[in-house]
N, C-alpha and C. Protein backbone atom coordinates (compact mmCIF):
# COMPACT_ATOMS: atom_id res chain seq x y z
N UNK A 1 -72.92 -11.47 92.83
CA UNK A 1 -73.29 -12.36 91.65
C UNK A 1 -73.89 -13.75 92.50
N UNK A 2 -74.86 -13.89 91.61
CA UNK A 2 -75.54 -15.29 92.46
C UNK A 2 -75.07 -16.14 92.04
N UNK A 3 -74.98 -17.38 92.66
CA UNK A 3 -74.20 -18.75 92.56
C UNK A 3 -75.62 -20.01 91.69
N UNK A 4 -75.46 -19.55 90.22
CA UNK A 4 -76.81 -20.39 89.82
C UNK A 4 -75.88 -21.84 89.37
N UNK A 5 -76.90 -22.92 89.74
CA UNK A 5 -75.81 -24.33 89.65
C UNK A 5 -77.12 -24.30 87.77
N UNK A 6 -75.82 -24.81 87.19
CA UNK A 6 -76.14 -25.20 85.76
C UNK A 6 -75.80 -26.72 85.60
N UNK A 7 -76.79 -27.62 85.09
CA UNK A 7 -76.42 -29.05 84.57
C UNK A 7 -76.00 -29.06 83.41
N UNK A 8 -74.64 -29.62 83.76
CA UNK A 8 -74.11 -30.02 82.20
C UNK A 8 -74.80 -31.14 81.01
N UNK A 9 -75.27 -30.82 79.89
CA UNK A 9 -75.88 -32.29 79.31
C UNK A 9 -74.72 -33.51 78.67
N UNK A 10 -75.36 -34.67 78.93
CA UNK A 10 -74.28 -35.90 78.61
C UNK A 10 -73.19 -35.45 77.39
N UNK A 11 -73.97 -34.53 76.65
CA UNK A 11 -72.82 -34.31 75.39
C UNK A 11 -73.08 -32.88 75.47
N UNK A 12 -72.28 -32.17 74.85
CA UNK A 12 -71.97 -30.49 74.31
C UNK A 12 -71.35 -31.01 72.88
N UNK A 13 -72.01 -29.84 72.43
CA UNK A 13 -71.58 -29.68 71.07
C UNK A 13 -70.27 -29.54 70.95
N UNK A 14 -69.86 -29.23 69.37
CA UNK A 14 -68.07 -28.77 69.42
C UNK A 14 -68.05 -27.12 69.40
N UNK A 15 -69.63 -26.24 69.47
CA UNK A 15 -69.91 -25.03 69.07
C UNK A 15 -68.94 -24.45 70.40
N UNK A 16 -70.39 -25.35 72.01
CA UNK A 16 -70.48 -25.27 72.94
C UNK A 16 -68.59 -25.33 73.60
N UNK A 17 -67.88 -26.53 73.08
CA UNK A 17 -66.72 -26.93 73.11
C UNK A 17 -65.73 -25.58 72.99
N UNK A 18 -65.90 -25.32 71.98
CA UNK A 18 -64.92 -24.28 71.36
C UNK A 18 -65.48 -22.80 72.35
N UNK A 19 -66.71 -22.85 72.62
CA UNK A 19 -66.80 -21.41 73.65
C UNK A 19 -66.13 -21.71 74.73
N UNK A 20 -66.16 -22.98 75.54
CA UNK A 20 -65.51 -23.02 76.65
C UNK A 20 -64.22 -23.06 76.89
N UNK A 21 -63.45 -23.58 75.74
CA UNK A 21 -62.07 -22.95 75.60
C UNK A 21 -61.70 -22.05 75.20
N UNK A 22 -62.28 -21.13 74.75
CA UNK A 22 -62.05 -19.84 74.19
C UNK A 22 -62.17 -18.92 75.85
N UNK A 23 -63.26 -19.26 76.60
CA UNK A 23 -63.58 -18.38 77.98
C UNK A 23 -62.30 -19.05 78.49
N UNK A 24 -61.50 -20.44 78.87
CA UNK A 24 -60.69 -20.62 79.50
C UNK A 24 -59.36 -20.12 79.28
N UNK A 25 -59.14 -20.25 77.61
CA UNK A 25 -57.83 -19.53 77.45
C UNK A 25 -57.78 -18.20 77.77
N UNK A 26 -59.03 -17.23 77.57
CA UNK A 26 -58.97 -15.83 77.79
C UNK A 26 -58.69 -15.79 79.48
N UNK A 27 -59.78 -16.59 80.27
CA UNK A 27 -59.68 -16.19 81.45
C UNK A 27 -57.92 -16.57 82.24
N UNK A 28 -57.10 -17.37 81.22
CA UNK A 28 -55.98 -18.06 82.07
C UNK A 28 -55.04 -17.00 81.22
N UNK A 29 -55.27 -16.53 80.33
CA UNK A 29 -53.73 -15.50 79.87
C UNK A 29 -54.31 -14.13 81.00
N UNK A 30 -55.50 -13.98 81.16
CA UNK A 30 -55.79 -12.59 81.88
C UNK A 30 -55.48 -13.12 83.28
N UNK A 31 -55.47 -14.24 83.81
CA UNK A 31 -54.51 -14.66 85.02
C UNK A 31 -53.11 -14.48 85.43
N UNK A 32 -52.59 -14.94 83.78
CA UNK A 32 -51.18 -15.15 84.19
C UNK A 32 -50.78 -13.93 84.12
N UNK A 33 -51.30 -12.60 83.38
CA UNK A 33 -50.97 -11.26 83.04
C UNK A 33 -51.11 -10.45 84.70
N UNK A 34 -52.17 -10.95 85.54
CA UNK A 34 -52.46 -10.10 86.44
C UNK A 34 -51.57 -11.12 87.67
N UNK A 35 -51.01 -11.79 87.44
CA UNK A 35 -50.11 -12.98 88.42
C UNK A 35 -48.89 -12.22 88.31
N UNK A 36 -48.39 -11.91 87.15
CA UNK A 36 -46.99 -11.32 86.72
C UNK A 36 -46.79 -10.01 87.42
N UNK A 37 -48.10 -9.71 86.72
CA UNK A 37 -47.95 -7.68 87.00
C UNK A 37 -47.96 -7.81 88.66
N UNK A 38 -48.37 -8.15 89.72
CA UNK A 38 -48.19 -8.83 90.86
C UNK A 38 -46.61 -8.24 91.19
N UNK A 39 -46.54 -9.10 90.85
CA UNK A 39 -44.06 -9.26 91.19
C UNK A 39 -44.10 -8.04 90.88
N UNK A 40 -44.46 -7.21 89.69
CA UNK A 40 -43.35 -6.08 89.01
C UNK A 40 -43.78 -4.72 89.51
N UNK A 41 -45.09 -4.49 90.45
CA UNK A 41 -45.78 -3.48 90.98
C UNK A 41 -45.31 -3.05 92.49
N UNK A 42 -45.05 -2.11 92.81
CA UNK A 42 -44.66 -1.68 94.15
C UNK A 42 -45.43 -1.22 95.01
N UNK A 43 -46.74 -0.42 94.36
CA UNK A 43 -47.59 0.19 94.78
C UNK A 43 -48.87 -1.16 95.94
N UNK A 44 -48.96 -0.99 96.99
CA UNK A 44 -49.70 -2.24 97.75
C UNK A 44 -51.11 -2.00 97.12
N UNK A 45 -51.49 -0.76 96.86
CA UNK A 45 -53.16 -0.58 96.61
C UNK A 45 -53.07 -1.11 95.22
N UNK A 46 -52.58 -1.47 94.58
CA UNK A 46 -52.37 -1.91 93.00
C UNK A 46 -52.05 -3.12 93.16
N UNK A 47 -51.24 -3.67 94.10
CA UNK A 47 -51.30 -5.20 94.24
C UNK A 47 -52.35 -5.55 94.37
N UNK A 48 -52.88 -5.05 95.69
CA UNK A 48 -54.07 -5.27 96.17
C UNK A 48 -55.45 -5.73 95.11
N UNK A 49 -55.61 -4.58 94.45
CA UNK A 49 -56.23 -4.91 92.75
C UNK A 49 -56.17 -6.18 92.31
N UNK A 50 -54.74 -5.67 91.75
CA UNK A 50 -54.78 -7.32 90.54
C UNK A 50 -54.41 -8.63 91.63
N UNK A 51 -54.46 -8.29 93.00
CA UNK A 51 -54.54 -9.85 93.67
C UNK A 51 -56.24 -10.61 93.29
N UNK A 52 -57.08 -9.32 93.73
CA UNK A 52 -58.56 -9.44 93.76
C UNK A 52 -58.82 -9.97 92.31
N UNK A 53 -58.38 -9.11 91.27
CA UNK A 53 -58.43 -9.39 89.92
C UNK A 53 -58.01 -10.95 89.46
N UNK A 54 -57.04 -11.22 89.81
CA UNK A 54 -56.42 -12.95 89.75
C UNK A 54 -57.01 -13.71 90.44
N UNK A 55 -57.74 -13.54 91.66
CA UNK A 55 -58.43 -14.06 92.14
C UNK A 55 -59.93 -14.57 91.35
N UNK A 56 -60.47 -13.64 90.79
CA UNK A 56 -61.96 -13.30 89.62
C UNK A 56 -61.42 -14.56 88.55
N UNK A 57 -59.98 -14.22 88.20
CA UNK A 57 -59.92 -15.03 86.85
C UNK A 57 -59.57 -16.52 87.08
N UNK A 58 -59.07 -16.86 88.18
CA UNK A 58 -58.54 -18.04 88.72
C UNK A 58 -60.06 -18.62 89.21
N UNK A 59 -61.04 -17.78 89.94
CA UNK A 59 -62.54 -18.50 90.02
C UNK A 59 -63.08 -18.80 88.74
N UNK A 60 -63.01 -18.20 87.76
CA UNK A 60 -63.78 -18.14 86.45
C UNK A 60 -63.26 -19.46 85.87
N UNK A 61 -62.03 -20.09 86.04
CA UNK A 61 -61.24 -21.14 85.53
C UNK A 61 -61.61 -22.22 86.35
N UNK A 62 -61.43 -22.08 87.33
CA UNK A 62 -62.01 -23.28 87.94
C UNK A 62 -63.84 -23.83 87.80
N UNK A 63 -64.63 -22.68 87.51
CA UNK A 63 -65.69 -23.14 87.01
C UNK A 63 -65.68 -24.00 85.83
N UNK A 64 -64.97 -23.10 84.67
CA UNK A 64 -64.75 -23.55 83.19
C UNK A 64 -64.32 -25.25 83.54
N UNK A 65 -63.33 -25.46 84.25
CA UNK A 65 -62.78 -26.68 84.65
C UNK A 65 -63.41 -27.82 85.41
N UNK A 66 -64.59 -27.15 85.92
CA UNK A 66 -65.96 -28.15 86.81
C UNK A 66 -66.65 -28.14 85.95
N UNK A 67 -67.11 -27.67 84.66
CA UNK A 67 -68.03 -28.00 84.05
C UNK A 67 -67.50 -29.02 82.85
N UNK A 68 -66.60 -28.72 82.48
CA UNK A 68 -65.52 -30.12 81.57
C UNK A 68 -65.67 -31.24 82.47
N UNK A 69 -65.29 -31.15 83.83
CA UNK A 69 -64.81 -32.59 84.37
C UNK A 69 -66.50 -33.00 84.68
N UNK A 70 -67.59 -32.26 84.69
CA UNK A 70 -69.23 -32.77 85.32
C UNK A 70 -69.16 -33.69 84.53
N UNK A 71 -68.77 -33.28 82.97
CA UNK A 71 -68.95 -34.30 81.67
C UNK A 71 -70.45 -34.85 81.62
N UNK A 72 -71.68 -34.22 82.05
CA UNK A 72 -72.83 -34.68 82.26
C UNK A 72 -72.99 -36.14 83.52
N UNK A 73 -72.33 -35.51 84.24
CA UNK A 73 -72.69 -36.39 85.78
C UNK A 73 -73.22 -35.89 86.58
N UNK A 74 -74.75 -35.40 86.29
CA UNK A 74 -76.07 -34.86 86.59
C UNK A 74 -76.60 -35.64 87.83
N UNK A 75 -75.85 -36.25 88.95
CA UNK A 75 -76.71 -36.98 89.80
C UNK A 75 -76.80 -36.06 91.14
């Protein structure tokens, strides 16, 4: 996956904020589910796959939070 730098405008629309909120909530729910499943599975291969998926969701959450925290600070 390419690492693309996206500059955040000084102001985002309500529609964009709703989209970011939905994306955050979806990724957070998926992260919680995979993290909880890791503790209930005994197969190490499945645990490894769940851990990788959990890391992807956690990375997505971090990217979304970075966009919200940047809030137009495009320096």
